[in-house]
Amino acid sequence: MTIQAGEANAGTTASGTSSPDPDPDTAATQLSATRGGEKQGLAERIALGLFILVPFAALLAAVPVAWGWGLGWTDLAIAVGMYFLTCHGITIGYHRYFTHGAFKTSRPMHLALAVVGSLAVEGPLVRWVADHRKHHRFSDKDGDPHSPWRYGESLPALMKGLWWAHMGWMFDEEQTPQLKYAPDLVRDPAIRRISRLFWLWTLISLLIPPLVGGLVTLSWTGALSAFFWGSLVRVALLHHVTWSINSICHAVGRRPFRSRDRSGNVWWLAVLSCGESWHNLHHADPTAARHGVLRGQIDSSARLIRWFELAGWVRDVRWPDAQRIAARRAA
């Protein structure tokens, strides 16, 4: 398959080099950065379902709970803090750094980004990166793991496709080959270990809010309330915002830049997605560190990367300059 201009570097590694397909004769030496390997079994699908349904139930209960019991400032601060910490862990770490190599950094920062991204509870790092690199290679075409156009363009087909793109694809038994799409990460022992310890990062992510809430309020009630808002509701909201980039942002939105797919900009998701919903420019220029490049487009991930650059924590950032942006403008 030919990858058009603007998509050619979609599989660029975090170190800034391309990730070629491995020789199939090396199957005997293949490594796995997830405990389940390349096929998803029944037990894994059941666990995935529970991790989706339980936080989603909390999200549905959030409005009546807030109305009946109230939402305290402590719970709000914990939930918002954890939300944007883990959201930026995904957008800056998992996505712009590990998947697309939008900047380079030191080894300690490399590992820190892997851990903070894992706290978002969106799956093991290497699995996430492999899926996303495959998505860019086949975006909205056959082979895309989560295109909303999978079943066609009629309204019933699109409704079915939106469900698939939002969360249905995660239950597919066939998983993206890790060594093919993320060989740089699979062959890194520390990253492979962090990825395989996803269960631990999930546990830590869920326990931080009740621990903080309990210590601040000095009560079990405070801990339980913080767990509801800062763990369950926060995880559910972040999940659905992230999945909306796969579904909504590939079905609707403005397309001011040329891309070979149907990625669009959805402004009302910009703040909650930490800048990821400026999705059209991202697919037109995948390795760019900034997605919201037009006037008024809020991109908090790009702002943090800029601050990291000024602090000397990251380097060789791929900022989209005016000439680069103009070259990708739609006719």
C-alpha atoms as a PDB file:
ATOM      1  CA  MET A   1       0.000   0.000   0.000  1.00  0.00           C
ATOM      2  CA  THR A   2       1.295   3.452  -0.921  1.00  0.00           C
ATOM      3  CA  ILE A   3       1.342   5.966   1.898  1.00  0.00           C
ATOM      4  CA  GLN A   4       0.710   9.466   0.624  1.00  0.00           C
ATOM      5  CA  ALA A   5       2.560  12.628   1.565  1.00  0.00           C
ATOM      6  CA  GLY A   6       1.868  13.677   5.133  1.00  0.00           C
ATOM      7  CA  GLU A   7       1.265  10.056   6.213  1.00  0.00           C
ATOM      8  CA  ALA A   8       4.646   8.643   5.284  1.00  0.00           C
ATOM      9  CA  ASN A   9       6.056   9.107   8.784  1.00  0.00           C
ATOM     10  CA  ALA A  10       3.028   7.760  10.627  1.00  0.00           C
ATOM     11  CA  GLY A  11       5.101   4.855  11.923  1.00  0.00           C
ATOM     12  CA  THR A  12       8.090   6.889  12.995  1.00  0.00           C
ATOM     13  CA  THR A  13       9.459   5.666  16.303  1.00  0.00           C
ATOM     14  CA  ALA A  14      10.037   7.676  19.465  1.00  0.00           C
ATOM     15  CA  SER A  15      13.729   7.814  18.632  1.00  0.00           C
ATOM     16  CA  GLY A  16      12.937   9.456  15.299  1.00  0.00           C
ATOM     17  CA  THR A  17      13.702   6.480  13.051  1.00  0.00           C
ATOM     18  CA  SER A  18      11.309   4.515  10.873  1.00  0.00           C
ATOM     19  CA  SER A  19      10.038   1.101  11.967  1.00  0.00           C
ATOM     20  CA  PRO A  20      10.329  -1.407   9.087  1.00  0.00           C
ATOM     21  CA  ASP A  21       8.438  -4.658   9.001  1.00  0.00           C
ATOM     22  CA  PRO A  22      10.511  -7.492  10.539  1.00  0.00           C
ATOM     23  CA  ASP A  23      11.741 -10.489   8.609  1.00  0.00           C
ATOM     24  CA  PRO A  24       9.060 -13.204   8.971  1.00  0.00           C
ATOM     25  CA  ASP A  25      11.815 -15.771   9.421  1.00  0.00           C
ATOM     26  CA  THR A  26      12.553 -14.293  12.851  1.00  0.00           C
ATOM     27  CA  ALA A  27       9.288 -15.623  14.311  1.00  0.00           C
ATOM     28  CA  ALA A  28      11.165 -17.790  16.775  1.00  0.00           C
ATOM     29  CA  THR A  29      12.664 -14.739  18.419  1.00  0.00           C
ATOM     30  CA  GLN A  30       9.490 -12.646  18.564  1.00  0.00           C
ATOM     31  CA  LEU A  31       8.717 -11.020  21.879  1.00  0.00           C
ATOM     32  CA  SER A  32       5.443  -9.886  23.372  1.00  0.00           C
ATOM     33  CA  ALA A  33       4.929  -6.761  25.451  1.00  0.00           C
ATOM     34  CA  THR A  34       1.472  -7.885  26.606  1.00  0.00           C
ATOM     35  CA  ARG A  35       0.518 -10.898  28.654  1.00  0.00           C
ATOM     36  CA  GLY A  36      -2.154 -12.052  26.213  1.00  0.00           C
ATOM     37  CA  GLY A  37       0.062 -12.255  23.137  1.00  0.00           C
ATOM     38  CA  GLU A  38      -1.435 -11.598  19.709  1.00  0.00           C
ATOM     39  CA  LYS A  39      -4.866 -13.170  20.237  1.00  0.00           C
ATOM     40  CA  GLN A  40      -7.506 -11.993  22.668  1.00  0.00           C
ATOM     41  CA  GLY A  41      -9.044 -14.822  24.660  1.00  0.00           C
ATOM     42  CA  LEU A  42     -12.437 -15.011  26.351  1.00  0.00           C
ATOM     43  CA  ALA A  43     -11.069 -14.128  29.793  1.00  0.00           C
ATOM     44  CA  GLU A  44      -9.381 -11.015  28.402  1.00  0.00           C
ATOM     45  CA  ARG A  45     -12.595  -9.931  26.638  1.00  0.00           C
ATOM     46  CA  ILE A  46     -14.594 -10.397  29.855  1.00  0.00           C
ATOM     47  CA  ALA A  47     -12.060  -8.340  31.820  1.00  0.00           C
ATOM     48  CA  LEU A  48     -12.138  -5.652  29.127  1.00  0.00           C
ATOM     49  CA  GLY A  49     -15.932  -5.577  29.298  1.00  0.00           C
ATOM     50  CA  LEU A  50     -15.856  -5.094  33.061  1.00  0.00           C
ATOM     51  CA  PHE A  51     -13.305  -2.293  32.800  1.00  0.00           C
ATOM     52  CA  ILE A  52     -15.611  -0.549  30.332  1.00  0.00           C
ATOM     53  CA  LEU A  53     -18.961  -1.208  32.025  1.00  0.00           C
ATOM     54  CA  VAL A  54     -18.092  -0.448  35.663  1.00  0.00           C
ATOM     55  CA  PRO A  55     -16.641   3.054  35.067  1.00  0.00           C
ATOM     56  CA  PHE A  56     -19.413   3.731  32.511  1.00  0.00           C
ATOM     57  CA  ALA A  57     -22.047   2.869  35.130  1.00  0.00           C
ATOM     58  CA  ALA A  58     -20.361   5.357  37.464  1.00  0.00           C
ATOM     59  CA  LEU A  59     -20.405   7.968  34.703  1.00  0.00           C
ATOM     60  CA  LEU A  60     -24.144   7.459  34.227  1.00  0.00           C
ATOM     61  CA  ALA A  61     -24.677   7.726  37.985  1.00  0.00           C
ATOM     62  CA  ALA A  62     -22.560  10.880  38.270  1.00  0.00           C
ATOM     63  CA  VAL A  63     -25.354  13.361  37.552  1.00  0.00           C
ATOM     64  CA  PRO A  64     -27.913  11.994  40.072  1.00  0.00           C
ATOM     65  CA  VAL A  65     -25.167  11.480  42.643  1.00  0.00           C
ATOM     66  CA  ALA A  66     -23.947  15.060  42.223  1.00  0.00           C
ATOM     67  CA  TRP A  67     -27.533  16.317  42.408  1.00  0.00           C
ATOM     68  CA  GLY A  68     -28.414  14.316  45.503  1.00  0.00           C
ATOM     69  CA  TRP A  69     -25.206  14.368  47.536  1.00  0.00           C
ATOM     70  CA  GLY A  70     -23.332  17.234  45.985  1.00  0.00           C
ATOM     71  CA  LEU A  71     -19.849  17.333  44.519  1.00  0.00           C
ATOM     72  CA  GLY A  72     -17.263  18.668  46.937  1.00  0.00           C
ATOM     73  CA  TRP A  73     -14.264  20.764  45.992  1.00  0.00           C
ATOM     74  CA  THR A  74     -11.884  18.039  47.149  1.00  0.00           C
ATOM     75  CA  ASP A  75     -13.458  15.452  44.851  1.00  0.00           C
ATOM     76  CA  LEU A  76     -13.541  17.937  41.980  1.00  0.00           C
ATOM     77  CA  ALA A  77      -9.879  18.850  42.397  1.00  0.00           C
ATOM     78  CA  ILE A  78      -8.798  15.209  42.580  1.00  0.00           C
ATOM     79  CA  ALA A  79     -10.919  14.186  39.578  1.00  0.00           C
ATOM     80  CA  VAL A  80      -9.823  17.109  37.393  1.00  0.00           C
ATOM     81  CA  GLY A  81      -6.165  16.717  38.402  1.00  0.00           C
ATOM     82  CA  MET A  82      -6.127  12.993  37.676  1.00  0.00           C
ATOM     83  CA  TYR A  83      -8.072  13.484  34.444  1.00  0.00           C
ATOM     84  CA  PHE A  84      -5.659  15.954  32.883  1.00  0.00           C
ATOM     85  CA  LEU A  85      -2.555  14.190  34.243  1.00  0.00           C
ATOM     86  CA  THR A  86      -3.572  10.907  32.624  1.00  0.00           C
ATOM     87  CA  CYS A  87      -5.062  12.551  29.522  1.00  0.00           C
ATOM     88  CA  HIS A  88      -1.740  14.251  28.795  1.00  0.00           C
ATOM     89  CA  GLY A  89      -0.002  10.966  29.556  1.00  0.00           C
ATOM     90  CA  ILE A  90      -1.915   9.514  26.598  1.00  0.00           C
ATOM     91  CA  THR A  91      -1.716  12.484  24.242  1.00  0.00           C
ATOM     92  CA  ILE A  92       1.906  13.462  24.856  1.00  0.00           C
ATOM     93  CA  GLY A  93       3.341  10.073  25.861  1.00  0.00           C
ATOM     94  CA  TYR A  94       1.493   7.248  24.146  1.00  0.00           C
ATOM     95  CA  HIS A  95       0.470   9.256  21.081  1.00  0.00           C
ATOM     96  CA  ARG A  96       2.757  12.099  20.052  1.00  0.00           C
ATOM     97  CA  TYR A  97       5.961  10.617  21.479  1.00  0.00           C
ATOM     98  CA  PHE A  98       5.856   6.813  21.395  1.00  0.00           C
ATOM     99  CA  THR A  99       3.606   6.421  18.352  1.00  0.00           C
ATOM    100  CA  HIS A 100       4.781   9.273  16.127  1.00  0.00           C
ATOM    101  CA  GLY A 101       8.158  10.416  17.463  1.00  0.00           C
ATOM    102  CA  ALA A 102       7.134  14.097  17.571  1.00  0.00           C
ATOM    103  CA  PHE A 103      10.127  14.854  19.807  1.00  0.00           C
ATOM    104  CA  LYS A 104      13.110  13.209  21.478  1.00  0.00           C
ATOM    105  CA  THR A 105      13.916  13.040  25.163  1.00  0.00           C
ATOM    106  CA  SER A 106      16.160  11.525  27.833  1.00  0.00           C
ATOM    107  CA  ARG A 107      15.883   7.949  29.061  1.00  0.00           C
ATOM    108  CA  PRO A 108      14.306   8.920  32.442  1.00  0.00           C
ATOM    109  CA  MET A 109      11.670  11.056  30.683  1.00  0.00           C
ATOM    110  CA  HIS A 110      11.140   8.245  28.166  1.00  0.00           C
ATOM    111  CA  LEU A 111      10.231   5.858  30.989  1.00  0.00           C
ATOM    112  CA  ALA A 112       8.210   8.473  32.897  1.00  0.00           C
ATOM    113  CA  LEU A 113       6.028   9.129  29.842  1.00  0.00           C
ATOM    114  CA  ALA A 114       5.404   5.386  29.531  1.00  0.00           C
ATOM    115  CA  VAL A 115       4.246   5.112  33.155  1.00  0.00           C
ATOM    116  CA  VAL A 116       2.075   8.267  33.192  1.00  0.00           C
ATOM    117  CA  GLY A 117       0.421   7.214  29.945  1.00  0.00           C
ATOM    118  CA  SER A 118      -0.307   3.800  31.445  1.00  0.00           C
ATOM    119  CA  LEU A 119      -2.185   5.469  34.325  1.00  0.00           C
ATOM    120  CA  ALA A 120      -4.919   6.439  31.836  1.00  0.00           C
ATOM    121  CA  VAL A 121      -6.043   2.785  31.870  1.00  0.00           C
ATOM    122  CA  GLU A 122      -6.320   2.607  28.069  1.00  0.00           C
ATOM    123  CA  GLY A 123      -4.338  -0.571  27.617  1.00  0.00           C
ATOM    124  CA  PRO A 124      -0.688  -1.649  27.604  1.00  0.00           C
ATOM    125  CA  LEU A 125       1.637   0.877  25.947  1.00  0.00           C
ATOM    126  CA  VAL A 126       2.928  -1.350  23.139  1.00  0.00           C
ATOM    127  CA  ARG A 127      -0.551  -2.626  22.260  1.00  0.00           C
ATOM    128  CA  TRP A 128      -1.850   0.965  22.087  1.00  0.00           C
ATOM    129  CA  VAL A 129       1.023   2.128  19.888  1.00  0.00           C
ATOM    130  CA  ALA A 130       0.784  -0.863  17.530  1.00  0.00           C
ATOM    131  CA  ASP A 131      -2.956  -0.304  17.070  1.00  0.00           C
ATOM    132  CA  HIS A 132      -2.504   3.380  16.377  1.00  0.00           C
ATOM    133  CA  ARG A 133       0.339   2.960  13.902  1.00  0.00           C
ATOM    134  CA  LYS A 134      -1.767   0.422  12.016  1.00  0.00           C
ATOM    135  CA  HIS A 135      -4.677   2.875  12.073  1.00  0.00           C
ATOM    136  CA  HIS A 136      -2.520   5.495  10.351  1.00  0.00           C
ATOM    137  CA  ARG A 137      -1.237   3.060   7.772  1.00  0.00           C
ATOM    138  CA  PHE A 138      -4.772   2.091   6.658  1.00  0.00           C
ATOM    139  CA  SER A 139      -6.780   5.072   7.896  1.00  0.00           C
ATOM    140  CA  ASP A 140     -10.460   4.674   6.900  1.00  0.00           C
ATOM    141  CA  LYS A 141      -9.518   1.877   4.492  1.00  0.00           C
ATOM    142  CA  ASP A 142      -9.512  -1.918   4.728  1.00  0.00           C
ATOM    143  CA  GLY A 143      -7.110  -2.802   7.514  1.00  0.00           C
ATOM    144  CA  ASP A 144      -7.931   0.169   9.760  1.00  0.00           C
ATOM    145  CA  PRO A 145      -8.677  -1.311  13.216  1.00  0.00           C
ATOM    146  CA  HIS A 146     -11.370   1.256  14.029  1.00  0.00           C
ATOM    147  CA  SER A 147     -12.801   3.173  11.083  1.00  0.00           C
ATOM    148  CA  PRO A 148     -16.468   4.244  11.430  1.00  0.00           C
ATOM    149  CA  TRP A 149     -16.809   3.672   7.661  1.00  0.00           C
ATOM    150  CA  ARG A 150     -16.087  -0.043   8.016  1.00  0.00           C
ATOM    151  CA  TYR A 151     -19.612  -1.153   7.000  1.00  0.00           C
ATOM    152  CA  GLY A 152     -20.421   1.436   4.340  1.00  0.00           C
ATOM    153  CA  GLU A 153     -21.807   4.948   3.986  1.00  0.00           C
ATOM    154  CA  SER A 154     -25.550   4.503   4.506  1.00  0.00           C
ATOM    155  CA  LEU A 155     -27.008   5.797   7.775  1.00  0.00           C
ATOM    156  CA  PRO A 156     -27.528   2.293   9.283  1.00  0.00           C
ATOM    157  CA  ALA A 157     -24.006   1.302   8.199  1.00  0.00           C
ATOM    158  CA  LEU A 158     -22.529   4.465   9.710  1.00  0.00           C
ATOM    159  CA  MET A 159     -24.376   3.933  13.006  1.00  0.00           C
ATOM    160  CA  LYS A 160     -22.971   0.412  13.173  1.00  0.00           C
ATOM    161  CA  GLY A 161     -19.551   1.724  12.175  1.00  0.00           C
ATOM    162  CA  LEU A 162     -19.576   4.415  14.850  1.00  0.00           C
ATOM    163  CA  TRP A 163     -20.232   1.765  17.492  1.00  0.00           C
ATOM    164  CA  TRP A 164     -17.384  -0.329  16.088  1.00  0.00           C
ATOM    165  CA  ALA A 165     -14.964   2.618  15.972  1.00  0.00           C
ATOM    166  CA  HIS A 166     -15.900   3.804  19.455  1.00  0.00           C
ATOM    167  CA  MET A 167     -15.431   0.564  21.364  1.00  0.00           C
ATOM    168  CA  GLY A 168     -16.501  -2.545  19.432  1.00  0.00           C
ATOM    169  CA  TRP A 169     -13.115  -2.993  17.769  1.00  0.00           C
ATOM    170  CA  MET A 170     -11.423  -3.599  21.119  1.00  0.00           C
ATOM    171  CA  PHE A 171     -13.218  -6.958  21.424  1.00  0.00           C
ATOM    172  CA  ASP A 172     -11.809  -8.273  18.130  1.00  0.00           C
ATOM    173  CA  GLU A 173     -10.046 -11.590  18.740  1.00  0.00           C
ATOM    174  CA  GLU A 174      -7.317 -10.780  16.202  1.00  0.00           C
ATOM    175  CA  GLN A 175      -4.884  -8.266  17.671  1.00  0.00           C
ATOM    176  CA  THR A 176      -2.408  -5.995  15.877  1.00  0.00           C
ATOM    177  CA  PRO A 177       1.030  -7.682  15.524  1.00  0.00           C
ATOM    178  CA  GLN A 178       3.254  -5.886  18.005  1.00  0.00           C
ATOM    179  CA  LEU A 179       6.601  -6.750  16.446  1.00  0.00           C
ATOM    180  CA  LYS A 180       5.398  -5.602  13.026  1.00  0.00           C
ATOM    181  CA  TYR A 181       4.025  -2.215  14.090  1.00  0.00           C
ATOM    182  CA  ALA A 182       6.028  -1.403  17.236  1.00  0.00           C
ATOM    183  CA  PRO A 183       9.365  -3.265  16.964  1.00  0.00           C
ATOM    184  CA  ASP A 184      11.281  -0.393  18.586  1.00  0.00           C
ATOM    185  CA  LEU A 185       9.195  -0.710  21.741  1.00  0.00           C
ATOM    186  CA  VAL A 186       8.956  -4.505  21.848  1.00  0.00           C
ATOM    187  CA  ARG A 187      12.736  -4.778  21.719  1.00  0.00           C
ATOM    188  CA  ASP A 188      13.217  -2.305  24.590  1.00  0.00           C
ATOM    189  CA  PRO A 189      13.310  -4.461  27.779  1.00  0.00           C
ATOM    190  CA  ALA A 190      12.248  -1.634  30.118  1.00  0.00           C
ATOM    191  CA  ILE A 191       9.345  -0.557  27.913  1.00  0.00           C
ATOM    192  CA  ARG A 192       8.326  -4.163  27.413  1.00  0.00           C
ATOM    193  CA  ARG A 193       8.223  -4.620  31.191  1.00  0.00           C
ATOM    194  CA  ILE A 194       6.228  -1.413  31.736  1.00  0.00           C
ATOM    195  CA  SER A 195       3.768  -2.552  29.096  1.00  0.00           C
ATOM    196  CA  ARG A 196       3.379  -6.006  30.656  1.00  0.00           C
ATOM    197  CA  LEU A 197       2.821  -4.400  34.082  1.00  0.00           C
ATOM    198  CA  PHE A 198      -0.322  -2.630  32.857  1.00  0.00           C
ATOM    199  CA  TRP A 199      -2.327  -4.303  35.647  1.00  0.00           C
ATOM    200  CA  LEU A 200      -0.092  -2.608  38.237  1.00  0.00           C
ATOM    201  CA  TRP A 201      -0.444   0.875  36.694  1.00  0.00           C
ATOM    202  CA  THR A 202      -4.216   0.358  36.554  1.00  0.00           C
ATOM    203  CA  LEU A 203      -4.290  -0.508  40.249  1.00  0.00           C
ATOM    204  CA  ILE A 204      -2.148   2.510  41.142  1.00  0.00           C
ATOM    205  CA  SER A 205      -4.307   4.809  38.999  1.00  0.00           C
ATOM    206  CA  LEU A 206      -7.476   3.648  40.727  1.00  0.00           C
ATOM    207  CA  LEU A 207      -5.976   3.854  44.229  1.00  0.00           C
ATOM    208  CA  ILE A 208      -4.409   7.330  44.057  1.00  0.00           C
ATOM    209  CA  PRO A 209      -7.733   9.263  44.279  1.00  0.00           C
ATOM    210  CA  PRO A 210      -9.122   7.446  47.356  1.00  0.00           C
ATOM    211  CA  LEU A 211      -5.729   7.648  49.045  1.00  0.00           C
ATOM    212  CA  VAL A 212      -5.541  11.411  48.501  1.00  0.00           C
ATOM    213  CA  GLY A 213      -9.230  11.892  49.346  1.00  0.00           C
ATOM    214  CA  GLY A 214      -8.897   9.883  52.540  1.00  0.00           C
ATOM    215  CA  LEU A 215      -5.790  11.756  53.679  1.00  0.00           C
ATOM    216  CA  VAL A 216      -7.286  15.179  52.929  1.00  0.00           C
ATOM    217  CA  THR A 217     -10.611  14.509  54.651  1.00  0.00           C
ATOM    218  CA  LEU A 218      -9.291  12.027  57.224  1.00  0.00           C
ATOM    219  CA  SER A 219     -12.339   9.855  56.589  1.00  0.00           C
ATOM    220  CA  TRP A 220     -13.382   6.668  54.804  1.00  0.00           C
ATOM    221  CA  THR A 221     -16.314   8.585  53.345  1.00  0.00           C
ATOM    222  CA  GLY A 222     -13.885  11.029  51.740  1.00  0.00           C
ATOM    223  CA  ALA A 223     -11.862   8.139  50.335  1.00  0.00           C
ATOM    224  CA  LEU A 224     -14.954   6.444  48.885  1.00  0.00           C
ATOM    225  CA  SER A 225     -16.226   9.670  47.343  1.00  0.00           C
ATOM    226  CA  ALA A 226     -12.819  10.359  45.786  1.00  0.00           C
ATOM    227  CA  PHE A 227     -12.763   6.825  44.394  1.00  0.00           C
ATOM    228  CA  PHE A 228     -16.153   7.368  42.747  1.00  0.00           C
ATOM    229  CA  TRP A 229     -15.243  10.716  41.160  1.00  0.00           C
ATOM    230  CA  GLY A 230     -11.476  10.536  40.783  1.00  0.00           C
ATOM    231  CA  SER A 231     -11.217   6.884  39.760  1.00  0.00           C
ATOM    232  CA  LEU A 232     -14.418   5.528  38.193  1.00  0.00           C
ATOM    233  CA  VAL A 233     -15.973   8.670  36.691  1.00  0.00           C
ATOM    234  CA  ARG A 234     -12.584  10.030  35.602  1.00  0.00           C
ATOM    235  CA  VAL A 235     -11.586   6.802  33.832  1.00  0.00           C
ATOM    236  CA  ALA A 236     -14.965   6.481  32.095  1.00  0.00           C
ATOM    237  CA  LEU A 237     -14.952  10.078  30.871  1.00  0.00           C
ATOM    238  CA  LEU A 238     -11.385   9.843  29.573  1.00  0.00           C
ATOM    239  CA  HIS A 239     -12.160   6.541  27.841  1.00  0.00           C
ATOM    240  CA  HIS A 240     -15.135   7.930  25.959  1.00  0.00           C
ATOM    241  CA  VAL A 241     -13.366  11.159  25.028  1.00  0.00           C
ATOM    242  CA  THR A 242     -10.429   9.168  23.633  1.00  0.00           C
ATOM    243  CA  TRP A 243     -12.689   6.741  21.789  1.00  0.00           C
ATOM    244  CA  SER A 244     -14.588   9.696  20.340  1.00  0.00           C
ATOM    245  CA  ILE A 245     -11.433  10.655  18.447  1.00  0.00           C
ATOM    246  CA  ASN A 246     -11.680   7.284  16.670  1.00  0.00           C
ATOM    247  CA  SER A 247     -15.414   7.524  16.011  1.00  0.00           C
ATOM    248  CA  ILE A 248     -16.740  11.104  15.947  1.00  0.00           C
ATOM    249  CA  CYS A 249     -13.578  12.732  14.570  1.00  0.00           C
ATOM    250  CA  HIS A 250     -13.562  10.322  11.610  1.00  0.00           C
ATOM    251  CA  ALA A 251     -17.218  10.902  10.804  1.00  0.00           C
ATOM    252  CA  VAL A 252     -17.808  14.652  11.191  1.00  0.00           C
ATOM    253  CA  GLY A 253     -15.859  17.884  11.544  1.00  0.00           C
ATOM    254  CA  ARG A 254     -14.123  20.478   9.384  1.00  0.00           C
ATOM    255  CA  ARG A 255     -11.311  19.386   7.078  1.00  0.00           C
ATOM    256  CA  PRO A 256      -9.132  22.402   6.236  1.00  0.00           C
ATOM    257  CA  PHE A 257      -6.117  20.193   5.440  1.00  0.00           C
ATOM    258  CA  ARG A 258      -5.526  17.479   2.861  1.00  0.00           C
ATOM    259  CA  SER A 259      -5.484  13.949   4.197  1.00  0.00           C
ATOM    260  CA  ARG A 260      -6.218  10.599   2.595  1.00  0.00           C
ATOM    261  CA  ASP A 261      -9.014   9.798   5.056  1.00  0.00           C
ATOM    262  CA  ARG A 262     -12.065  11.438   6.638  1.00  0.00           C
ATOM    263  CA  SER A 263     -10.437  12.847   9.763  1.00  0.00           C
ATOM    264  CA  GLY A 264     -12.072  16.085  10.901  1.00  0.00           C
ATOM    265  CA  ASN A 265     -11.715  18.805  13.524  1.00  0.00           C
ATOM    266  CA  VAL A 266     -14.322  18.688  16.312  1.00  0.00           C
ATOM    267  CA  TRP A 267     -13.952  21.870  18.369  1.00  0.00           C
ATOM    268  CA  TRP A 268     -16.156  20.908  21.326  1.00  0.00           C
ATOM    269  CA  LEU A 269     -13.872  17.981  22.192  1.00  0.00           C
ATOM    270  CA  ALA A 270     -10.672  20.060  22.143  1.00  0.00           C
ATOM    271  CA  VAL A 271     -10.315  20.849  25.853  1.00  0.00           C
ATOM    272  CA  LEU A 272     -11.354  17.417  27.151  1.00  0.00           C
ATOM    273  CA  SER A 273      -9.153  15.648  24.562  1.00  0.00           C
ATOM    274  CA  CYS A 274      -6.153  17.877  25.389  1.00  0.00           C
ATOM    275  CA  GLY A 275      -5.935  19.005  21.761  1.00  0.00           C
ATOM    276  CA  GLU A 276      -6.405  15.637  20.052  1.00  0.00           C
ATOM    277  CA  SER A 277      -9.728  16.536  18.400  1.00  0.00           C
ATOM    278  CA  TRP A 278      -7.943  18.834  15.942  1.00  0.00           C
ATOM    279  CA  HIS A 279      -7.688  15.550  14.134  1.00  0.00           C
ATOM    280  CA  ASN A 280      -7.578  16.689  10.509  1.00  0.00           C
ATOM    281  CA  LEU A 281      -4.151  18.328  10.769  1.00  0.00           C
ATOM    282  CA  HIS A 282      -2.894  15.322  12.689  1.00  0.00           C
ATOM    283  CA  HIS A 283      -3.713  12.982   9.821  1.00  0.00           C
ATOM    284  CA  ALA A 284      -2.361  15.456   7.290  1.00  0.00           C
ATOM    285  CA  ASP A 285       0.911  15.727   9.276  1.00  0.00           C
ATOM    286  CA  PRO A 286       1.118  12.806  11.767  1.00  0.00           C
ATOM    287  CA  THR A 287       4.525  13.575  13.294  1.00  0.00           C
ATOM    288  CA  ALA A 288       3.745  17.211  14.126  1.00  0.00           C
ATOM    289  CA  ALA A 289       3.932  17.984  17.846  1.00  0.00           C
ATOM    290  CA  ARG A 290       1.048  20.459  17.561  1.00  0.00           C
ATOM    291  CA  HIS A 291      -2.394  19.480  16.228  1.00  0.00           C
ATOM    292  CA  GLY A 292      -4.325  22.718  16.788  1.00  0.00           C
ATOM    293  CA  VAL A 293      -2.421  25.053  14.467  1.00  0.00           C
ATOM    294  CA  LEU A 294      -5.126  27.539  13.455  1.00  0.00           C
ATOM    295  CA  ARG A 295      -6.195  30.646  15.362  1.00  0.00           C
ATOM    296  CA  GLY A 296      -8.226  29.834  18.469  1.00  0.00           C
ATOM    297  CA  GLN A 297      -7.475  26.093  18.425  1.00  0.00           C
ATOM    298  CA  ILE A 298      -6.611  25.127  22.012  1.00  0.00           C
ATOM    299  CA  ASP A 299      -3.998  22.370  22.215  1.00  0.00           C
ATOM    300  CA  SER A 300      -2.842  21.902  25.807  1.00  0.00           C
ATOM    301  CA  SER A 301      -0.619  18.955  24.859  1.00  0.00           C
ATOM    302  CA  ALA A 302       1.383  21.127  22.469  1.00  0.00           C
ATOM    303  CA  ARG A 303       1.660  23.828  25.149  1.00  0.00           C
ATOM    304  CA  LEU A 304       3.070  21.333  27.660  1.00  0.00           C
ATOM    305  CA  ILE A 305       5.535  19.984  25.080  1.00  0.00           C
ATOM    306  CA  ARG A 306       6.681  23.569  24.508  1.00  0.00           C
ATOM    307  CA  TRP A 307       7.198  24.051  28.250  1.00  0.00           C
ATOM    308  CA  PHE A 308       9.101  20.747  28.418  1.00  0.00           C
ATOM    309  CA  GLU A 309      11.288  21.988  25.562  1.00  0.00           C
ATOM    310  CA  LEU A 310      12.018  25.270  27.332  1.00  0.00           C
ATOM    311  CA  ALA A 311      12.911  23.329  30.503  1.00  0.00           C
ATOM    312  CA  GLY A 312      15.311  21.143  28.510  1.00  0.00           C
ATOM    313  CA  TRP A 313      13.311  17.961  29.117  1.00  0.00           C
ATOM    314  CA  VAL A 314      12.612  17.313  25.414  1.00  0.00           C
ATOM    315  CA  ARG A 315      14.462  18.221  22.220  1.00  0.00           C
ATOM    316  CA  ASP A 316      14.218  18.083  18.418  1.00  0.00           C
ATOM    317  CA  VAL A 317      10.495  18.873  18.589  1.00  0.00           C
ATOM    318  CA  ARG A 318       8.743  18.663  15.235  1.00  0.00           C
ATOM    319  CA  TRP A 319       6.845  21.940  15.270  1.00  0.00           C
ATOM    320  CA  PRO A 320       4.730  22.614  12.169  1.00  0.00           C
ATOM    321  CA  ASP A 321       5.968  25.927  10.725  1.00  0.00           C
ATOM    322  CA  ALA A 322       3.944  28.192   8.435  1.00  0.00           C
ATOM    323  CA  GLN A 323       5.374  26.680   5.249  1.00  0.00           C
ATOM    324  CA  ARG A 324       4.648  23.141   6.413  1.00  0.00           C
ATOM    325  CA  ILE A 325       1.074  24.077   7.330  1.00  0.00           C
ATOM    326  CA  ALA A 326       0.451  25.895   4.042  1.00  0.00           C
ATOM    327  CA  ALA A 327       1.676  22.889   2.053  1.00  0.00           C
ATOM    328  CA  ARG A 328      -1.060  20.771   3.594  1.00  0.00           C
ATOM    329  CA  ARG A 329      -3.931  23.186   3.106  1.00  0.00           C
ATOM    330  CA  ALA A 330      -6.939  21.797   1.261  1.00  0.00           C
ATOM    331  CA  ALA A 331      -7.551  23.353  -2.149  1.00  0.00           C
END
